[in-house]
PDB file of N, CA and C in Angstrom:
ATOM      1  N   ILE A   1      -6.812 -39.836  -2.606  1.00  0.00           N
ATOM      2  CA  ILE A   1      -7.991 -39.160  -1.439  1.00  0.00           C
ATOM      3  C   ILE A   1      -8.249 -40.153  -0.310  1.00  0.00           C
ATOM      4  N   TYR A   2      -8.195 -39.619   0.730  1.00  0.00           N
ATOM      5  CA  TYR A   2      -8.706 -40.489   1.973  1.00  0.00           C
ATOM      6  C   TYR A   2     -10.083 -40.182   2.023  1.00  0.00           C
ATOM      7  N   SER A   3     -10.687 -41.359   2.489  1.00  0.00           N
ATOM      8  CA  SER A   3     -12.262 -41.145   3.062  1.00  0.00           C
ATOM      9  C   SER A   3     -12.721 -42.063   4.054  1.00  0.00           C
ATOM     10  N   SER A   4     -11.533 -42.641   4.704  1.00  0.00           N
ATOM     11  CA  SER A   4     -11.827 -43.621   5.733  1.00  0.00           C
ATOM     12  C   SER A   4     -10.527 -43.468   6.807  1.00  0.00           C
ATOM     13  N   LEU A   5     -10.910 -43.982   8.065  1.00  0.00           N
ATOM     14  CA  LEU A   5     -10.043 -43.866   9.305  1.00  0.00           C
ATOM     15  C   LEU A   5      -9.568 -45.305   9.456  1.00  0.00           C
ATOM     16  N   CYS A   6      -8.477 -45.754   9.780  1.00  0.00           N
ATOM     17  CA  CYS A   6      -8.051 -47.239  10.206  1.00  0.00           C
ATOM     18  C   CYS A   6      -8.918 -47.137  11.521  1.00  0.00           C
ATOM     19  N   CYS A   7      -9.336 -48.467  11.479  1.00  0.00           N
ATOM     20  CA  CYS A   7     -10.204 -49.095  12.608  1.00  0.00           C
ATOM     21  C   CYS A   7      -9.463 -49.141  13.882  1.00  0.00           C
ATOM     22  N   GLU A   8      -8.152 -49.439  13.732  1.00  0.00           N
ATOM     23  CA  GLU A   8      -7.234 -49.482  14.819  1.00  0.00           C
ATOM     24  C   GLU A   8      -6.404 -48.162  15.201  1.00  0.00           C
ATOM     25  N   CYS A   9      -5.999 -47.314  14.546  1.00  0.00           N
ATOM     26  CA  CYS A   9      -4.984 -46.460  14.785  1.00  0.00           C
ATOM     27  C   CYS A   9      -5.520 -45.146  14.431  1.00  0.00           C
ATOM     28  N   GLY A  10      -6.600 -44.881  13.548  1.00  0.00           N
ATOM     29  CA  GLY A  10      -7.218 -43.855  13.226  1.00  0.00           C
ATOM     30  C   GLY A  10      -6.609 -43.223  12.232  1.00  0.00           C
ATOM     31  N   VAL A  11      -5.569 -43.558  11.588  1.00  0.00           N
ATOM     32  CA  VAL A  11      -4.964 -42.780  10.339  1.00  0.00           C
ATOM     33  C   VAL A  11      -5.751 -42.709   9.340  1.00  0.00           C
ATOM     34  N   PRO A  12      -5.829 -41.642   8.562  1.00  0.00           N
ATOM     35  CA  PRO A  12      -6.640 -41.592   7.219  1.00  0.00           C
ATOM     36  C   PRO A  12      -5.876 -42.760   6.243  1.00  0.00           C
ATOM     37  N   ILE A  13      -6.991 -43.372   5.718  1.00  0.00           N
ATOM     38  CA  ILE A  13      -6.663 -44.486   4.490  1.00  0.00           C
ATOM     39  C   ILE A  13      -7.672 -44.501   3.474  1.00  0.00           C
ATOM     40  N   SER A  14      -7.253 -45.043   2.348  1.00  0.00           N
ATOM     41  CA  SER A  14      -8.260 -45.437   1.330  1.00  0.00           C
ATOM     42  C   SER A  14      -8.947 -46.468   1.641  1.00  0.00           C
ATOM     43  N   PRO A  15     -10.000 -46.437   1.616  1.00  0.00           N
ATOM     44  CA  PRO A  15     -10.920 -47.562   1.923  1.00  0.00           C
ATOM     45  C   PRO A  15     -10.661 -48.886   1.580  1.00  0.00           C
ATOM     46  N   ASN A  16     -10.800 -49.830   2.283  1.00  0.00           N
ATOM     47  CA  ASN A  16     -10.456 -51.312   1.854  1.00  0.00           C
ATOM     48  C   ASN A  16     -11.505 -52.213   2.824  1.00  0.00           C
ATOM     49  N   PRO A  17     -11.423 -53.533   2.219  1.00  0.00           N
ATOM     50  CA  PRO A  17     -12.445 -54.439   3.063  1.00  0.00           C
ATOM     51  C   PRO A  17     -12.210 -54.571   4.586  1.00  0.00           C
ATOM     52  N   ALA A  18     -10.959 -54.461   4.926  1.00  0.00           N
ATOM     53  CA  ALA A  18     -10.481 -54.720   6.241  1.00  0.00           C
ATOM     54  C   ALA A  18     -10.919 -53.564   7.038  1.00  0.00           C
ATOM     55  N   ASN A  19     -10.736 -52.280   6.499  1.00  0.00           N
ATOM     56  CA  ASN A  19     -10.864 -50.943   7.129  1.00  0.00           C
ATOM     57  C   ASN A  19      -9.525 -50.664   8.063  1.00  0.00           C
ATOM     58  N   ILE A  20      -8.598 -51.195   7.417  1.00  0.00           N
ATOM     59  CA  ILE A  20      -7.336 -51.233   8.525  1.00  0.00           C
ATOM     60  C   ILE A  20      -6.120 -50.826   7.435  1.00  0.00           C
ATOM     61  N   CYS A  21      -5.374 -50.003   8.142  1.00  0.00           N
ATOM     62  CA  CYS A  21      -4.114 -49.620   7.558  1.00  0.00           C
ATOM     63  C   CYS A  21      -2.985 -50.513   7.276  1.00  0.00           C
ATOM     64  N   VAL A  22      -2.218 -50.437   6.489  1.00  0.00           N
ATOM     65  CA  VAL A  22      -1.032 -51.501   6.136  1.00  0.00           C
ATOM     66  C   VAL A  22      -0.411 -51.783   7.578  1.00  0.00           C
ATOM     67  N   ALA A  23       0.094 -50.716   8.170  1.00  0.00           N
ATOM     68  CA  ALA A  23       1.059 -50.880   9.369  1.00  0.00           C
ATOM     69  C   ALA A  23       0.247 -51.761  10.213  1.00  0.00           C
ATOM     70  N   CYS A  24      -1.077 -51.405  10.569  1.00  0.00           N
ATOM     71  CA  CYS A  24      -1.781 -52.384  11.651  1.00  0.00           C
ATOM     72  C   CYS A  24      -1.901 -53.727  11.151  1.00  0.00           C
ATOM     73  N   LEU A  25      -2.266 -54.027   9.739  1.00  0.00           N
ATOM     74  CA  LEU A  25      -2.529 -55.046   9.400  1.00  0.00           C
ATOM     75  C   LEU A  25      -1.355 -56.028   9.569  1.00  0.00           C
ATOM     76  N   ARG A  26      -0.090 -55.431   9.211  1.00  0.00           N
ATOM     77  CA  ARG A  26       1.103 -56.033   9.195  1.00  0.00           C
ATOM     78  C   ARG A  26       1.250 -56.431  10.809  1.00  0.00           C
ATOM     79  N   SER A  27       0.813 -55.679  11.703  1.00  0.00           N
ATOM     80  CA  SER A  27       1.198 -56.140  13.083  1.00  0.00           C
ATOM     81  C   SER A  27       0.269 -57.326  13.647  1.00  0.00           C
ATOM     82  N   LYS A  28      -0.810 -57.629  12.690  1.00  0.00           N
ATOM     83  CA  LYS A  28      -1.851 -58.278  13.290  1.00  0.00           C
ATOM     84  C   LYS A  28      -1.460 -59.852  12.194  1.00  0.00           C
ATOM     85  N   VAL A  29      -0.930 -59.796  11.094  1.00  0.00           N
ATOM     86  CA  VAL A  29      -0.986 -60.927  10.445  1.00  0.00           C
ATOM     87  C   VAL A  29       0.424 -61.187   9.753  1.00  0.00           C
ATOM     88  N   ASP A  30       0.904 -62.538  10.073  1.00  0.00           N
ATOM     89  CA  ASP A  30       2.214 -62.761   9.735  1.00  0.00           C
ATOM     90  C   ASP A  30       2.158 -63.811   8.439  1.00  0.00           C
ATOM     91  N   ILE A  31       2.326 -62.956   7.351  1.00  0.00           N
ATOM     92  CA  ILE A  31       2.449 -63.904   6.103  1.00  0.00           C
ATOM     93  C   ILE A  31       3.269 -64.916   5.890  1.00  0.00           C
ATOM     94  N   SER A  32       4.597 -64.622   6.588  1.00  0.00           N
ATOM     95  CA  SER A  32       5.628 -65.657   6.671  1.00  0.00           C
ATOM     96  C   SER A  32       5.391 -67.000   7.631  1.00  0.00           C
ATOM     97  N   GLN A  33       4.272 -67.043   8.175  1.00  0.00           N
ATOM     98  CA  GLN A  33       3.918 -68.132   9.097  1.00  0.00           C
ATOM     99  C   GLN A  33       3.933 -69.507   8.224  1.00  0.00           C
ATOM    100  N   GLY A  34       4.719 -70.434   8.701  1.00  0.00           N
ATOM    101  CA  GLY A  34       4.730 -71.655   8.118  1.00  0.00           C
ATOM    102  C   GLY A  34       6.205 -71.723   7.242  1.00  0.00           C
ATOM    103  N   ILE A  35       6.785 -70.688   6.897  1.00  0.00           N
ATOM    104  CA  ILE A  35       7.824 -70.639   5.920  1.00  0.00           C
ATOM    105  C   ILE A  35       9.122 -70.955   7.116  1.00  0.00           C
ATOM    106  N   PRO A  36       9.885 -71.881   7.030  1.00  0.00           N
ATOM    107  CA  PRO A  36      10.694 -72.106   7.896  1.00  0.00           C
ATOM    108  C   PRO A  36      11.882 -70.960   7.877  1.00  0.00           C
ATOM    109  N   LYS A  37      12.308 -70.574   8.988  1.00  0.00           N
ATOM    110  CA  LYS A  37      13.455 -69.487   9.433  1.00  0.00           C
ATOM    111  C   LYS A  37      14.955 -70.245   9.084  1.00  0.00           C
ATOM    112  N   GLN A  38      15.040 -71.285   9.181  1.00  0.00           N
ATOM    113  CA  GLN A  38      16.325 -72.071   9.046  1.00  0.00           C
ATOM    114  C   GLN A  38      16.064 -73.221   8.389  1.00  0.00           C
ATOM    115  N   VAL A  39      17.119 -73.773   7.494  1.00  0.00           N
ATOM    116  CA  VAL A  39      16.997 -75.064   6.735  1.00  0.00           C
ATOM    117  C   VAL A  39      18.656 -75.422   6.502  1.00  0.00           C
ATOM    118  N   SER A  40      18.681 -76.692   6.528  1.00  0.00           N
ATOM    119  CA  SER A  40      20.297 -77.190   6.443  1.00  0.00           C
ATOM    120  C   SER A  40      20.437 -77.631   5.139  1.00  0.00           C
ATOM    121  N   ILE A  41      21.591 -77.239   4.501  1.00  0.00           N
ATOM    122  CA  ILE A  41      21.978 -77.669   3.050  1.00  0.00           C
ATOM    123  C   ILE A  41      23.499 -78.486   3.562  1.00  0.00           C
ATOM    124  N   SER A  42      23.718 -79.620   2.681  1.00  0.00           N
ATOM    125  CA  SER A  42      24.807 -80.310   3.158  1.00  0.00           C
ATOM    126  C   SER A  42      25.949 -79.728   2.104  1.00  0.00           C
ATOM    127  N   PHE A  43      27.046 -79.825   2.547  1.00  0.00           N
ATOM    128  CA  PHE A  43      28.213 -79.298   1.912  1.00  0.00           C
ATOM    129  C   PHE A  43      29.258 -80.188   2.261  1.00  0.00           C
ATOM    130  N   CYS A  44      30.140 -80.645   1.071  1.00  0.00           N
ATOM    131  CA  CYS A  44      31.092 -81.499   1.134  1.00  0.00           C
ATOM    132  C   CYS A  44      32.306 -80.786   0.994  1.00  0.00           C
ATOM    133  N   LYS A  45      33.218 -81.043   2.171  1.00  0.00           N
ATOM    134  CA  LYS A  45      34.447 -79.995   2.294  1.00  0.00           C
ATOM    135  C   LYS A  45      35.456 -80.544   1.224  1.00  0.00           C
ATOM    136  N   GLN A  46      35.517 -81.862   1.000  1.00  0.00           N
ATOM    137  CA  GLN A  46      36.336 -82.605  -0.062  1.00  0.00           C
ATOM    138  C   GLN A  46      36.290 -82.218  -1.318  1.00  0.00           C
ATOM    139  N   CYS A  47      35.025 -82.253  -1.830  1.00  0.00           N
ATOM    140  CA  CYS A  47      34.856 -82.045  -3.160  1.00  0.00           C
ATOM    141  C   CYS A  47      34.029 -80.674  -3.489  1.00  0.00           C
ATOM    142  N   GLN A  48      33.986 -79.814  -2.582  1.00  0.00           N
ATOM    143  CA  GLN A  48      33.491 -78.413  -2.518  1.00  0.00           C
ATOM    144  C   GLN A  48      32.016 -78.480  -3.189  1.00  0.00           C
ATOM    145  N   ARG A  49      31.140 -79.205  -3.034  1.00  0.00           N
ATOM    146  CA  ARG A  49      30.034 -79.335  -3.818  1.00  0.00           C
ATOM    147  C   ARG A  49      28.811 -79.446  -2.559  1.00  0.00           C
ATOM    148  N   TYR A  50      27.704 -79.080  -3.025  1.00  0.00           N
ATOM    149  CA  TYR A  50      26.468 -78.917  -2.465  1.00  0.00           C
ATOM    150  C   TYR A  50      25.505 -80.119  -2.761  1.00  0.00           C
ATOM    151  N   PHE A  51      24.773 -80.815  -1.815  1.00  0.00           N
ATOM    152  CA  PHE A  51      23.845 -81.713  -1.933  1.00  0.00           C
ATOM    153  C   PHE A  51      22.394 -81.420  -2.381  1.00  0.00           C
ATOM    154  N   GLN A  52      22.207 -82.040  -3.677  1.00  0.00           N
ATOM    155  CA  GLN A  52      20.874 -81.543  -4.121  1.00  0.00           C
ATOM    156  C   GLN A  52      19.922 -82.824  -4.453  1.00  0.00           C
ATOM    157  N   PRO A  53      19.148 -82.940  -3.133  1.00  0.00           N
ATOM    158  CA  PRO A  53      18.345 -84.037  -3.351  1.00  0.00           C
ATOM    159  C   PRO A  53      17.426 -84.448  -4.550  1.00  0.00           C
ATOM    160  N   PRO A  54      17.478 -85.526  -4.983  1.00  0.00           N
ATOM    161  CA  PRO A  54      17.644 -86.727  -4.218  1.00  0.00           C
ATOM    162  C   PRO A  54      18.961 -87.412  -4.203  1.00  0.00           C
ATOM    163  N   GLY A  55      19.974 -87.117  -4.955  1.00  0.00           N
ATOM    164  CA  GLY A  55      21.274 -87.970  -4.754  1.00  0.00           C
ATOM    165  C   GLY A  55      22.292 -87.367  -5.691  1.00  0.00           C
ATOM    166  N   THR A  56      22.108 -85.970  -5.855  1.00  0.00           N
ATOM    167  CA  THR A  56      23.128 -85.193  -6.819  1.00  0.00           C
ATOM    168  C   THR A  56      24.174 -84.309  -5.862  1.00  0.00           C
ATOM    169  N   TRP A  57      25.243 -84.247  -6.175  1.00  0.00           N
ATOM    170  CA  TRP A  57      26.182 -83.256  -5.684  1.00  0.00           C
ATOM    171  C   TRP A  57      26.620 -82.320  -6.505  1.00  0.00           C
ATOM    172  N   ILE A  58      26.169 -80.894  -6.388  1.00  0.00           N
ATOM    173  CA  ILE A  58      26.393 -79.906  -7.544  1.00  0.00           C
ATOM    174  C   ILE A  58      27.647 -78.844  -6.992  1.00  0.00           C
ATOM    175  N   GLN A  59      28.161 -78.506  -8.027  1.00  0.00           N
ATOM    176  CA  GLN A  59      29.239 -77.331  -7.576  1.00  0.00           C
ATOM    177  C   GLN A  59      28.454 -75.948  -7.926  1.00  0.00           C
ATOM    178  N   CYS A  60      28.502 -75.065  -6.896  1.00  0.00           N
ATOM    179  CA  CYS A  60      28.088 -73.728  -7.005  1.00  0.00           C
ATOM    180  C   CYS A  60      29.023 -72.731  -6.275  1.00  0.00           C
ATOM    181  N   ALA A  61      29.069 -71.711  -6.991  1.00  0.00           N
ATOM    182  CA  ALA A  61      29.948 -70.740  -6.477  1.00  0.00           C
ATOM    183  C   ALA A  61      29.018 -70.004  -5.286  1.00  0.00           C
ATOM    184  N   LEU A  62      29.752 -69.240  -4.281  1.00  0.00           N
ATOM    185  CA  LEU A  62      29.032 -68.671  -3.381  1.00  0.00           C
ATOM    186  C   LEU A  62      28.254 -67.485  -3.936  1.00  0.00           C
ATOM    187  N   GLU A  63      27.055 -67.239  -3.485  1.00  0.00           N
ATOM    188  CA  GLU A  63      26.117 -66.396  -3.797  1.00  0.00           C
ATOM    189  C   GLU A  63      25.747 -66.357  -5.303  1.00  0.00           C
ATOM    190  N   SER A  64      25.747 -67.418  -5.799  1.00  0.00           N
ATOM    191  CA  SER A  64      25.321 -67.839  -7.126  1.00  0.00           C
ATOM    192  C   SER A  64      24.045 -68.202  -7.407  1.00  0.00           C
ATOM    193  N   ARG A  65      23.600 -67.792  -8.645  1.00  0.00           N
ATOM    194  CA  ARG A  65      22.200 -68.108  -8.870  1.00  0.00           C
ATOM    195  C   ARG A  65      21.717 -69.634  -8.510  1.00  0.00           C
ATOM    196  N   GLU A  66      22.751 -70.585  -8.911  1.00  0.00           N
ATOM    197  CA  GLU A  66      22.426 -71.949  -8.674  1.00  0.00           C
ATOM    198  C   GLU A  66      22.230 -72.160  -7.312  1.00  0.00           C
ATOM    199  N   LEU A  67      22.959 -71.683  -6.202  1.00  0.00           N
ATOM    200  CA  LEU A  67      23.199 -71.832  -4.989  1.00  0.00           C
ATOM    201  C   LEU A  67      21.802 -71.233  -4.421  1.00  0.00           C
ATOM    202  N   LEU A  68      21.267 -70.202  -4.837  1.00  0.00           N
ATOM    203  CA  LEU A  68      20.127 -69.580  -4.605  1.00  0.00           C
ATOM    204  C   LEU A  68      18.931 -70.381  -4.856  1.00  0.00           C
ATOM    205  N   ALA A  69      19.203 -70.962  -5.887  1.00  0.00           N
ATOM    206  CA  ALA A  69      17.846 -71.779  -6.321  1.00  0.00           C
ATOM    207  C   ALA A  69      17.836 -73.037  -5.630  1.00  0.00           C
ATOM    208  N   LEU A  70      19.006 -73.662  -5.098  1.00  0.00           N
ATOM    209  CA  LEU A  70      19.064 -74.711  -4.289  1.00  0.00           C
ATOM    210  C   LEU A  70      18.547 -74.423  -2.863  1.00  0.00           C
ATOM    211  N   CYS A  71      18.946 -73.242  -2.244  1.00  0.00           N
ATOM    212  CA  CYS A  71      18.263 -72.763  -1.114  1.00  0.00           C
ATOM    213  C   CYS A  71      16.811 -72.621  -1.106  1.00  0.00           C
ATOM    214  N   LEU A  72      16.285 -72.115  -2.271  1.00  0.00           N
ATOM    215  CA  LEU A  72      14.907 -71.924  -2.433  1.00  0.00           C
ATOM    216  C   LEU A  72      13.862 -73.119  -2.391  1.00  0.00           C
ATOM    217  N   LYS A  73      14.588 -74.239  -2.951  1.00  0.00           N
ATOM    218  CA  LYS A  73      14.117 -75.427  -3.240  1.00  0.00           C
ATOM    219  C   LYS A  73      13.706 -76.262  -1.708  1.00  0.00           C
ATOM    220  N   LYS A  74      14.687 -75.665  -0.984  1.00  0.00           N
ATOM    221  CA  LYS A  74      14.361 -76.438   0.333  1.00  0.00           C
ATOM    222  C   LYS A  74      13.344 -75.890   1.217  1.00  0.00           C
ATOM    223  N   ILE A  75      12.619 -74.779   0.662  1.00  0.00           N
ATOM    224  CA  ILE A  75      11.556 -74.079   1.202  1.00  0.00           C
ATOM    225  C   ILE A  75      10.467 -74.226   0.319  1.00  0.00           C
ATOM    226  N   LYS A  76      10.405 -74.883  -0.622  1.00  0.00           N
ATOM    227  CA  LYS A  76       9.665 -74.518  -1.816  1.00  0.00           C
ATOM    228  C   LYS A  76       8.048 -74.912  -1.445  1.00  0.00           C
ATOM    229  N   ALA A  77       7.684 -75.641  -0.755  1.00  0.00           N
ATOM    230  CA  ALA A  77       6.231 -76.142  -0.420  1.00  0.00           C
ATOM    231  C   ALA A  77       5.654 -74.900   0.329  1.00  0.00           C
ATOM    232  N   PRO A  78       6.165 -74.232   1.354  1.00  0.00           N
ATOM    233  CA  PRO A  78       5.637 -73.193   2.062  1.00  0.00           C
ATOM    234  C   PRO A  78       5.401 -72.141   1.335  1.00  0.00           C
ATOM    235  N   LEU A  79       6.378 -71.887   0.218  1.00  0.00           N
ATOM    236  CA  LEU A  79       6.261 -70.788  -0.605  1.00  0.00           C
ATOM    237  C   LEU A  79       5.133 -70.730  -1.578  1.00  0.00           C
ATOM    238  N   ASN A  80       4.523 -71.714  -1.726  1.00  0.00           N
ATOM    239  CA  ASN A  80       3.452 -71.830  -2.597  1.00  0.00           C
ATOM    240  C   ASN A  80       2.182 -71.041  -2.118  1.00  0.00           C
ATOM    241  N   LYS A  81       2.132 -70.651  -0.733  1.00  0.00           N
ATOM    242  CA  LYS A  81       1.146 -69.873  -0.064  1.00  0.00           C
ATOM    243  C   LYS A  81       1.018 -68.440  -0.510  1.00  0.00           C
ATOM    244  N   VAL A  82       2.636 -68.161  -0.738  1.00  0.00           N
ATOM    245  CA  VAL A  82       2.841 -66.477  -0.888  1.00  0.00           C
ATOM    246  C   VAL A  82       3.543 -66.436  -2.327  1.00  0.00           C
ATOM    247  N   ARG A  83       3.541 -65.080  -2.512  1.00  0.00           N
ATOM    248  CA  ARG A  83       4.247 -64.748  -3.879  1.00  0.00           C
ATOM    249  C   ARG A  83       5.660 -64.242  -3.505  1.00  0.00           C
ATOM    250  N   LEU A  84       6.488 -64.888  -4.101  1.00  0.00           N
ATOM    251  CA  LEU A  84       7.936 -64.639  -4.039  1.00  0.00           C
ATOM    252  C   LEU A  84       8.217 -63.298  -4.874  1.00  0.00           C
ATOM    253  N   VAL A  85       8.690 -62.354  -4.281  1.00  0.00           N
ATOM    254  CA  VAL A  85       9.000 -61.072  -5.163  1.00  0.00           C
ATOM    255  C   VAL A  85      10.268 -60.760  -5.330  1.00  0.00           C
ATOM    256  N   ASP A  86      11.047 -61.120  -4.325  1.00  0.00           N
ATOM    257  CA  ASP A  86      12.587 -61.289  -4.575  1.00  0.00           C
ATOM    258  C   ASP A  86      13.434 -61.932  -3.456  1.00  0.00           C
ATOM    259  N   ALA A  87      14.591 -62.515  -3.721  1.00  0.00           N
ATOM    260  CA  ALA A  87      15.328 -63.423  -2.945  1.00  0.00           C
ATOM    261  C   ALA A  87      16.689 -63.018  -3.323  1.00  0.00           C
ATOM    262  N   GLY A  88      17.562 -62.999  -2.197  1.00  0.00           N
ATOM    263  CA  GLY A  88      18.993 -62.817  -2.283  1.00  0.00           C
ATOM    264  C   GLY A  88      19.716 -62.999  -1.340  1.00  0.00           C
ATOM    265  N   PHE A  89      21.209 -63.126  -1.525  1.00  0.00           N
ATOM    266  CA  PHE A  89      21.895 -63.451  -0.203  1.00  0.00           C
ATOM    267  C   PHE A  89      22.157 -62.381   0.590  1.00  0.00           C
ATOM    268  N   VAL A  90      22.315 -62.473   1.923  1.00  0.00           N
ATOM    269  CA  VAL A  90      22.840 -61.403   2.686  1.00  0.00           C
ATOM    270  C   VAL A  90      24.281 -61.804   3.293  1.00  0.00           C
ATOM    271  N   TRP A  91      25.047 -60.744   3.123  1.00  0.00           N
ATOM    272  CA  TRP A  91      26.558 -60.717   3.517  1.00  0.00           C
ATOM    273  C   TRP A  91      26.803 -61.479   4.890  1.00  0.00           C
ATOM    274  N   THR A  92      27.527 -62.489   5.053  1.00  0.00           N
ATOM    275  CA  THR A  92      28.173 -63.038   6.279  1.00  0.00           C
ATOM    276  C   THR A  92      29.517 -62.991   6.171  1.00  0.00           C
ATOM    277  N   GLU A  93      30.074 -63.112   7.276  1.00  0.00           N
ATOM    278  CA  GLU A  93      31.629 -63.108   7.534  1.00  0.00           C
ATOM    279  C   GLU A  93      32.181 -64.280   6.504  1.00  0.00           C
ATOM    280  N   PRO A  94      33.185 -63.906   6.080  1.00  0.00           N
ATOM    281  CA  PRO A  94      33.997 -65.205   5.264  1.00  0.00           C
ATOM    282  C   PRO A  94      34.234 -66.158   5.723  1.00  0.00           C
ATOM    283  N   HIS A  95      34.551 -66.418   6.995  1.00  0.00           N
ATOM    284  CA  HIS A  95      34.846 -67.593   7.570  1.00  0.00           C
ATOM    285  C   HIS A  95      33.313 -68.403   8.118  1.00  0.00           C
ATOM    286  N   SER A  96      32.289 -67.783   8.036  1.00  0.00           N
ATOM    287  CA  SER A  96      31.102 -68.145   8.461  1.00  0.00           C
ATOM    288  C   SER A  96      30.484 -69.332   7.499  1.00  0.00           C
ATOM    289  N   LYS A  97      30.062 -70.604   8.067  1.00  0.00           N
ATOM    290  CA  LYS A  97      29.624 -71.682   7.608  1.00  0.00           C
ATOM    291  C   LYS A  97      28.148 -71.563   7.378  1.00  0.00           C
ATOM    292  N   ARG A  98      27.612 -70.278   7.505  1.00  0.00           N
ATOM    293  CA  ARG A  98      26.094 -70.162   7.111  1.00  0.00           C
ATOM    294  C   ARG A  98      25.896 -69.412   5.714  1.00  0.00           C
ATOM    295  N   LEU A  99      24.734 -69.779   5.233  1.00  0.00           N
ATOM    296  CA  LEU A  99      24.382 -68.956   4.081  1.00  0.00           C
ATOM    297  C   LEU A  99      23.188 -68.242   4.554  1.00  0.00           C
ATOM    298  N   LYS A 100      23.112 -67.031   4.311  1.00  0.00           N
ATOM    299  CA  LYS A 100      21.740 -66.101   4.956  1.00  0.00           C
ATOM    300  C   LYS A 100      21.092 -65.671   3.463  1.00  0.00           C
ATOM    301  N   VAL A 101      19.872 -65.908   3.578  1.00  0.00           N
ATOM    302  CA  VAL A 101      18.966 -65.719   2.335  1.00  0.00           C
ATOM    303  C   VAL A 101      17.912 -64.642   2.791  1.00  0.00           C
ATOM    304  N   LYS A 102      17.649 -63.550   2.066  1.00  0.00           N
ATOM    305  CA  LYS A 102      16.701 -62.630   2.322  1.00  0.00           C
ATOM    306  C   LYS A 102      15.454 -62.766   1.391  1.00  0.00           C
ATOM    307  N   LEU A 103      14.298 -63.027   1.751  1.00  0.00           N
ATOM    308  CA  LEU A 103      13.099 -63.025   0.736  1.00  0.00           C
ATOM    309  C   LEU A 103      12.288 -62.109   0.812  1.00  0.00           C
ATOM    310  N   THR A 104      11.539 -61.629   0.035  1.00  0.00           N
ATOM    311  CA  THR A 104      10.543 -60.560   0.033  1.00  0.00           C
ATOM    312  C   THR A 104       9.360 -61.341  -0.696  1.00  0.00           C
ATOM    313  N   ILE A 105       8.348 -61.289   0.253  1.00  0.00           N
ATOM    314  CA  ILE A 105       7.207 -61.825  -0.252  1.00  0.00           C
ATOM    315  C   ILE A 105       6.171 -61.368  -0.223  1.00  0.00           C
ATOM    316  N   GLN A 106       4.925 -61.619  -0.937  1.00  0.00           N
ATOM    317  CA  GLN A 106       3.797 -60.845  -0.795  1.00  0.00           C
ATOM    318  C   GLN A 106       2.549 -61.738  -0.722  1.00  0.00           C
ATOM    319  N   LYS A 107       1.380 -61.434   0.089  1.00  0.00           N
ATOM    320  CA  LYS A 107       0.237 -62.149   0.242  1.00  0.00           C
ATOM    321  C   LYS A 107      -0.920 -61.396   0.121  1.00  0.00           C
ATOM    322  N   GLU A 108      -2.008 -61.762  -0.414  1.00  0.00           N
ATOM    323  CA  GLU A 108      -3.007 -60.878  -0.244  1.00  0.00           C
ATOM    324  C   GLU A 108      -4.212 -61.337   0.969  1.00  0.00           C
ATOM    325  N   VAL A 109      -4.441 -60.488   2.069  1.00  0.00           N
ATOM    326  CA  VAL A 109      -4.872 -60.971   3.091  1.00  0.00           C
ATOM    327  C   VAL A 109      -6.432 -60.547   3.158  1.00  0.00           C
ATOM    328  N   SER A 110      -7.081 -61.492   3.824  1.00  0.00           N
ATOM    329  CA  SER A 110      -8.526 -61.319   3.758  1.00  0.00           C
ATOM    330  C   SER A 110      -8.919 -60.756   5.090  1.00  0.00           C
ATOM    331  N   CYS A 111     -10.044 -60.342   5.095  1.00  0.00           N
ATOM    332  CA  CYS A 111     -10.646 -59.836   6.401  1.00  0.00           C
ATOM    333  C   CYS A 111     -10.740 -60.797   7.545  1.00  0.00           C
ATOM    334  N   THR A 112     -11.044 -62.157   7.149  1.00  0.00           N
ATOM    335  CA  THR A 112     -11.335 -63.207   8.123  1.00  0.00           C
ATOM    336  C   THR A 112      -9.738 -63.698   8.718  1.00  0.00           C
ATOM    337  N   GLN A 113      -8.841 -63.329   8.045  1.00  0.00           N
ATOM    338  CA  GLN A 113      -7.542 -63.768   8.754  1.00  0.00           C
ATOM    339  C   GLN A 113      -6.916 -62.976   9.730  1.00  0.00           C
ATOM    340  N   PHE A 114      -7.642 -62.145  10.490  1.00  0.00           N
ATOM    341  CA  PHE A 114      -7.247 -61.516  11.768  1.00  0.00           C
ATOM    342  C   PHE A 114      -8.350 -61.225  12.551  1.00  0.00           C
ATOM    343  N   SER A 115      -8.179 -61.011  13.755  1.00  0.00           N
ATOM    344  CA  SER A 115      -9.369 -60.847  14.608  1.00  0.00           C
ATOM    345  C   SER A 115      -9.094 -59.441  15.311  1.00  0.00           C
ATOM    346  N   GLN A 116     -10.377 -58.802  15.280  1.00  0.00           N
ATOM    347  CA  GLN A 116     -10.358 -57.443  16.018  1.00  0.00           C
ATOM    348  C   GLN A 116     -10.905 -57.577  17.396  1.00  0.00           C
ATOM    349  N   HIS A 117      -9.911 -57.148  18.433  1.00  0.00           N
ATOM    350  CA  HIS A 117     -10.206 -56.963  19.838  1.00  0.00           C
ATOM    351  C   HIS A 117     -10.527 -55.546  20.259  1.00  0.00           C
ATOM    352  N   GLY A 118     -11.492 -55.170  20.845  1.00  0.00           N
ATOM    353  CA  GLY A 118     -11.806 -53.794  21.069  1.00  0.00           C
ATOM    354  C   GLY A 118     -11.567 -53.600  22.513  1.00  0.00           C
TER     355      GLY A 118
END
């Protein structure tokens, strides 16, 4: 049951403290702010291993859980501010030297985290 209108776009919404719909809230607040979009992971071509700081080289298959864990450790600190819902690899060309990871995150947003301009 809708009993309120979004203060930005006028769409009927269930009442919430911000009085704003999810679409408008997403356009105003970037919960991924502070999470790096790129990180570097060292790979040795000779031994086919990935560097796991502080001083270990580990063997991981492409798109394995171990490699995903290694990637997530590189961005661990900024992830403390959000809830990690899902993580997985995104397909890249076989000859590509890039690993792409897609993260799904959640965060509760308070009314004070965005400003309304009229």
